[in-house]
């Protein structure tokens, strides 16, 4: 997996979410979210799928049950179960995702 951010920063973001009881959600326009939805083959062989259900975004890793995403920054998310930290970077003709597993 490509790791662009350090683990301490991701853990600090997750800890802030846990301590606050509920995260301050950033607003993402539908145009921004269009860059996020889709299927991402990860470098470790896993597959990440980001999908929309109603007005919420969910992550599904390797076909497992979907887990709701909470926005913690510009195109940056943590799963509701605090297992993944996701950072998306739109590029021409594609979007790159950096996935950090916070717990297994």
C-alpha atoms as a PDB file:
ATOM      1  CA  UNK A   1       0.000   0.000   0.000  1.00  0.00           C
ATOM      2  CA  UNK A   2       1.242   3.462  -0.787  1.00  0.00           C
ATOM      3  CA  UNK A   3       1.650   5.489   2.381  1.00  0.00           C
ATOM      4  CA  UNK A   4       1.986   9.229   1.974  1.00  0.00           C
ATOM      5  CA  UNK A   5       1.061  10.356   5.485  1.00  0.00           C
ATOM      6  CA  UNK A   6       2.702   9.219   8.665  1.00  0.00           C
ATOM      7  CA  UNK A   7       0.901   6.834  10.979  1.00  0.00           C
ATOM      8  CA  UNK A   8       1.081   9.255  13.966  1.00  0.00           C
ATOM      9  CA  UNK A   9      -0.930  11.859  12.018  1.00  0.00           C
ATOM     10  CA  UNK A  10      -3.576   9.272  11.118  1.00  0.00           C
ATOM     11  CA  UNK A  11      -3.718   8.025  14.691  1.00  0.00           C
ATOM     12  CA  UNK A  12      -4.068  11.577  15.973  1.00  0.00           C
ATOM     13  CA  UNK A  13      -7.003  12.131  13.590  1.00  0.00           C
ATOM     14  CA  UNK A  14      -8.642   8.889  14.724  1.00  0.00           C
ATOM     15  CA  UNK A  15      -8.038   9.718  18.387  1.00  0.00           C
ATOM     16  CA  UNK A  16      -9.570  13.164  17.915  1.00  0.00           C
ATOM     17  CA  UNK A  17     -12.649  11.499  16.419  1.00  0.00           C
ATOM     18  CA  UNK A  18     -12.960   9.099  19.312  1.00  0.00           C
ATOM     19  CA  UNK A  19     -12.471  11.776  21.968  1.00  0.00           C
ATOM     20  CA  UNK A  20     -14.951  14.190  20.433  1.00  0.00           C
ATOM     21  CA  UNK A  21     -17.746  11.616  20.415  1.00  0.00           C
ATOM     22  CA  UNK A  22     -18.734  12.750  16.932  1.00  0.00           C
ATOM     23  CA  UNK A  23     -16.563  14.090  14.191  1.00  0.00           C
ATOM     24  CA  UNK A  24     -16.818  17.494  12.679  1.00  0.00           C
ATOM     25  CA  UNK A  25     -17.676  16.527   9.157  1.00  0.00           C
ATOM     26  CA  UNK A  26     -16.294  18.461   6.257  1.00  0.00           C
ATOM     27  CA  UNK A  27     -18.712  19.155   3.456  1.00  0.00           C
ATOM     28  CA  UNK A  28     -17.803  17.688   0.093  1.00  0.00           C
ATOM     29  CA  UNK A  29     -19.615  18.826  -3.012  1.00  0.00           C
ATOM     30  CA  UNK A  30     -21.146  16.174  -5.269  1.00  0.00           C
ATOM     31  CA  UNK A  31     -18.445  17.062  -7.807  1.00  0.00           C
ATOM     32  CA  UNK A  32     -15.680  16.313  -5.258  1.00  0.00           C
ATOM     33  CA  UNK A  33     -17.325  13.056  -4.227  1.00  0.00           C
ATOM     34  CA  UNK A  34     -17.609  11.966  -7.861  1.00  0.00           C
ATOM     35  CA  UNK A  35     -13.798  11.767  -7.792  1.00  0.00           C
ATOM     36  CA  UNK A  36     -13.979   9.415  -4.783  1.00  0.00           C
ATOM     37  CA  UNK A  37     -16.679   6.874  -5.699  1.00  0.00           C
ATOM     38  CA  UNK A  38     -15.444   3.789  -7.479  1.00  0.00           C
ATOM     39  CA  UNK A  39     -13.247   0.709  -7.136  1.00  0.00           C
ATOM     40  CA  UNK A  40      -9.577   0.892  -6.256  1.00  0.00           C
ATOM     41  CA  UNK A  41      -7.192  -2.066  -6.617  1.00  0.00           C
ATOM     42  CA  UNK A  42      -4.660  -1.715  -3.794  1.00  0.00           C
ATOM     43  CA  UNK A  43      -0.985  -2.586  -4.047  1.00  0.00           C
ATOM     44  CA  UNK A  44      -1.343  -5.416  -1.478  1.00  0.00           C
ATOM     45  CA  UNK A  45      -3.918  -7.217  -3.659  1.00  0.00           C
ATOM     46  CA  UNK A  46      -6.980  -6.007  -1.755  1.00  0.00           C
ATOM     47  CA  UNK A  47      -9.810  -4.146  -3.461  1.00  0.00           C
ATOM     48  CA  UNK A  48     -11.407  -1.040  -1.981  1.00  0.00           C
ATOM     49  CA  UNK A  49     -14.813   0.086  -3.193  1.00  0.00           C
ATOM     50  CA  UNK A  50     -16.273   3.466  -2.254  1.00  0.00           C
ATOM     51  CA  UNK A  51     -20.004   3.685  -2.857  1.00  0.00           C
ATOM     52  CA  UNK A  52     -22.885   6.023  -2.213  1.00  0.00           C
ATOM     53  CA  UNK A  53     -25.922   4.884  -0.239  1.00  0.00           C
ATOM     54  CA  UNK A  54     -28.479   7.637   0.145  1.00  0.00           C
ATOM     55  CA  UNK A  55     -26.507  10.758   0.954  1.00  0.00           C
ATOM     56  CA  UNK A  56     -23.656   8.901   2.708  1.00  0.00           C
ATOM     57  CA  UNK A  57     -20.385   7.387   1.500  1.00  0.00           C
ATOM     58  CA  UNK A  58     -19.351   3.870   2.471  1.00  0.00           C
ATOM     59  CA  UNK A  59     -16.144   1.861   2.085  1.00  0.00           C
ATOM     60  CA  UNK A  60     -16.136  -1.843   1.295  1.00  0.00           C
ATOM     61  CA  UNK A  61     -12.819  -3.705   1.504  1.00  0.00           C
ATOM     62  CA  UNK A  62     -12.652  -7.025  -0.370  1.00  0.00           C
ATOM     63  CA  UNK A  63     -16.427  -7.329  -0.581  1.00  0.00           C
ATOM     64  CA  UNK A  64     -16.946  -7.164   3.200  1.00  0.00           C
ATOM     65  CA  UNK A  65     -19.890  -5.318   4.719  1.00  0.00           C
ATOM     66  CA  UNK A  66     -19.832  -1.594   3.905  1.00  0.00           C
ATOM     67  CA  UNK A  67     -18.602   0.765   6.620  1.00  0.00           C
ATOM     68  CA  UNK A  68     -19.698   4.405   6.711  1.00  0.00           C
ATOM     69  CA  UNK A  69     -17.072   7.040   6.008  1.00  0.00           C
ATOM     70  CA  UNK A  70     -16.649  10.113   8.183  1.00  0.00           C
ATOM     71  CA  UNK A  71     -14.952  13.084   6.596  1.00  0.00           C
ATOM     72  CA  UNK A  72     -11.996  14.432   8.572  1.00  0.00           C
ATOM     73  CA  UNK A  73     -10.525  16.768   5.971  1.00  0.00           C
ATOM     74  CA  UNK A  74     -10.489  17.680   2.311  1.00  0.00           C
ATOM     75  CA  UNK A  75     -11.008  14.320   0.554  1.00  0.00           C
ATOM     76  CA  UNK A  76      -9.809  12.592   3.722  1.00  0.00           C
ATOM     77  CA  UNK A  77     -11.944  10.033   5.556  1.00  0.00           C
ATOM     78  CA  UNK A  78     -11.911   7.614   8.478  1.00  0.00           C
ATOM     79  CA  UNK A  79     -14.238   4.614   8.553  1.00  0.00           C
ATOM     80  CA  UNK A  80     -16.862   4.630  11.278  1.00  0.00           C
ATOM     81  CA  UNK A  81     -15.286   1.557  12.890  1.00  0.00           C
ATOM     82  CA  UNK A  82     -11.924   3.393  12.985  1.00  0.00           C
ATOM     83  CA  UNK A  83     -10.200   0.664  10.962  1.00  0.00           C
ATOM     84  CA  UNK A  84      -9.165   2.675   7.887  1.00  0.00           C
ATOM     85  CA  UNK A  85      -7.876   6.159   7.114  1.00  0.00           C
ATOM     86  CA  UNK A  86      -8.344   7.123   3.454  1.00  0.00           C
ATOM     87  CA  UNK A  87      -6.845  10.069   1.564  1.00  0.00           C
ATOM     88  CA  UNK A  88      -7.912  10.701  -2.041  1.00  0.00           C
ATOM     89  CA  UNK A  89      -5.996  12.714  -4.615  1.00  0.00           C
ATOM     90  CA  UNK A  90      -7.730  13.459  -7.922  1.00  0.00           C
ATOM     91  CA  UNK A  91      -5.321  13.275 -10.854  1.00  0.00           C
ATOM     92  CA  UNK A  92      -5.969  13.686 -14.567  1.00  0.00           C
ATOM     93  CA  UNK A  93      -8.138  10.748 -15.676  1.00  0.00           C
ATOM     94  CA  UNK A  94      -7.878   8.925 -12.327  1.00  0.00           C
ATOM     95  CA  UNK A  95      -7.934   9.284  -8.541  1.00  0.00           C
ATOM     96  CA  UNK A  96      -5.210   7.937  -6.287  1.00  0.00           C
ATOM     97  CA  UNK A  97      -6.056   6.655  -2.809  1.00  0.00           C
ATOM     98  CA  UNK A  98      -3.742   6.222   0.150  1.00  0.00           C
ATOM     99  CA  UNK A  99      -5.037   3.675   2.662  1.00  0.00           C
ATOM    100  CA  UNK A 100      -3.772   3.301   6.207  1.00  0.00           C
ATOM    101  CA  UNK A 101      -5.058   0.470   8.344  1.00  0.00           C
ATOM    102  CA  UNK A 102      -5.541   1.835  11.837  1.00  0.00           C
ATOM    103  CA  UNK A 103      -6.516  -1.569  13.233  1.00  0.00           C
ATOM    104  CA  UNK A 104      -7.177  -4.998  11.788  1.00  0.00           C
END
